[in-house]
Protein backbone atom coordinates (compact mmCIF):
# COMPACT_ATOMS: atom_id res chain seq x y z
CA UNK A 1 7.64 11.80 -36.83
CA UNK A 2 11.39 12.26 -37.00
CA UNK A 3 13.11 13.75 -34.02
CA UNK A 4 15.62 16.55 -34.11
CA UNK A 5 19.18 15.36 -34.33
CA UNK A 6 21.43 15.99 -31.40
CA UNK A 7 18.80 16.59 -28.75
CA UNK A 8 16.88 14.29 -26.47
CA UNK A 9 13.58 12.83 -27.60
CA UNK A 10 10.35 14.32 -26.27
CA UNK A 11 9.90 11.39 -23.91
CA UNK A 12 13.44 11.77 -22.58
CA UNK A 13 12.86 15.48 -22.07
CA UNK A 14 9.69 14.72 -20.11
CA UNK A 15 11.44 12.12 -17.94
CA UNK A 16 14.39 14.45 -17.32
CA UNK A 17 12.09 17.32 -16.34
CA UNK A 18 10.09 15.06 -14.02
CA UNK A 19 13.24 13.82 -12.29
CA UNK A 20 14.39 17.43 -11.78
CA UNK A 21 10.91 18.57 -10.65
CA UNK A 22 9.18 15.58 -8.96
CA UNK A 23 6.19 17.64 -7.79
CA UNK A 24 5.35 19.00 -11.26
CA UNK A 25 2.16 17.77 -12.89
CA UNK A 26 1.60 16.98 -16.58
CA UNK A 27 0.20 20.43 -17.37
CA UNK A 28 3.14 22.26 -15.77
CA UNK A 29 5.64 19.98 -17.50
CA UNK A 30 3.98 20.51 -20.90
CA UNK A 31 3.95 24.30 -20.47
CA UNK A 32 7.59 24.43 -19.39
CA UNK A 33 8.85 22.18 -22.18
CA UNK A 34 6.80 24.08 -24.78
CA UNK A 35 8.44 27.34 -23.62
CA UNK A 36 11.83 25.64 -24.05
CA UNK A 37 10.97 24.65 -27.64
CA UNK A 38 9.77 21.06 -27.25
CA UNK A 39 6.10 20.96 -28.23
CA UNK A 40 4.24 18.42 -26.08
CA UNK A 41 0.69 18.23 -24.79
CA UNK A 42 -0.30 17.53 -21.21
CA UNK A 43 -1.93 14.29 -22.38
CA UNK A 44 1.32 13.12 -23.98
CA UNK A 45 3.22 13.96 -20.78
CA UNK A 46 0.69 11.97 -18.79
CA UNK A 47 1.05 8.98 -21.12
CA UNK A 48 4.84 9.02 -20.96
CA UNK A 49 4.83 9.22 -17.15
CA UNK A 50 2.23 6.46 -16.90
CA UNK A 51 4.28 4.18 -19.13
CA UNK A 52 7.38 4.93 -17.05
CA UNK A 53 5.50 3.93 -13.86
CA UNK A 54 4.39 0.67 -15.47
CA UNK A 55 7.94 -0.20 -16.45
CA UNK A 56 9.37 0.70 -13.04
CA UNK A 57 6.84 -1.44 -11.19
CA UNK A 58 5.25 1.37 -9.19
CA UNK A 59 1.51 0.76 -8.96
CA UNK A 60 -1.28 3.00 -7.84
CA UNK A 61 -4.55 1.96 -6.33
CA UNK A 62 -5.51 -1.10 -4.37
CA UNK A 63 -3.12 -3.83 -3.48
CA UNK A 64 -3.77 -7.28 -4.91
CA UNK A 65 -5.91 -9.65 -2.94
CA UNK A 66 -9.37 -9.35 -1.56
CA UNK A 67 -10.27 -8.36 1.93
CA UNK A 68 -13.02 -10.25 3.67
CA UNK A 69 -16.37 -8.52 3.62
CA UNK A 70 -17.69 -7.21 6.91
CA UNK A 71 -19.53 -9.93 8.78
CA UNK A 72 -17.95 -12.83 6.90
CA UNK A 73 -16.39 -15.68 8.83
CA UNK A 74 -12.74 -16.66 8.70
CA UNK A 75 -11.65 -20.17 7.79
CA UNK A 76 -10.91 -20.92 11.45
CA UNK A 77 -14.40 -19.79 12.46
CA UNK A 78 -15.97 -21.93 9.73
CA UNK A 79 -14.08 -25.00 10.92
CA UNK A 80 -15.28 -24.37 14.48
CA UNK A 81 -18.85 -23.92 13.23
CA UNK A 82 -18.62 -27.21 11.34
CA UNK A 83 -17.42 -29.01 14.48
CA UNK A 84 -20.27 -27.47 16.49
CA UNK A 85 -22.82 -28.56 13.90
CA UNK A 86 -21.41 -32.08 13.94
CA UNK A 87 -21.63 -32.25 17.76
CA UNK A 88 -25.17 -30.85 17.79
CA UNK A 89 -26.45 -33.32 15.20
CA UNK A 90 -26.65 -31.00 12.21
CA UNK A 91 -26.71 -27.39 11.11
CA UNK A 92 -30.37 -26.85 11.96
CA UNK A 93 -29.94 -28.07 15.55
CA UNK A 94 -26.83 -25.88 15.98
CA UNK A 95 -28.74 -22.89 14.58
CA UNK A 96 -31.64 -23.47 17.01
CA UNK A 97 -29.22 -23.75 19.95
CA UNK A 98 -27.47 -20.53 18.94
CA UNK A 99 -30.78 -18.70 18.50
CA UNK A 100 -31.83 -19.82 21.99
CA UNK A 101 -28.49 -18.70 23.39
CA UNK A 102 -28.85 -15.31 21.70
CA UNK A 103 -32.29 -14.85 23.32
CA UNK A 104 -30.84 -15.74 26.72
CA UNK A 105 -28.02 -13.25 26.35
CA UNK A 106 -30.32 -10.38 25.35
């Protein structure tokens, strides 16, 4: 689709409107630009803004990297557990000792 000569493209108009009205959502932007003579849908506005965020590096959602699940041991704790098992003569003996200790503490 050819754009009108002399004026900004639809995408430019959307970006300009968003910079002038940062709190405006896609529906409000589409309605305002349509009143001004630039026919755009809310979906198109959303797509243009999403692509602009991707290019600028702004990301939404979770940050990269995984958080440890609740109850999981850290690397330091695992190393200590390995040393304990080695001193106790194996994992099974260390487990029995810890179970006995847990009963004593209860």
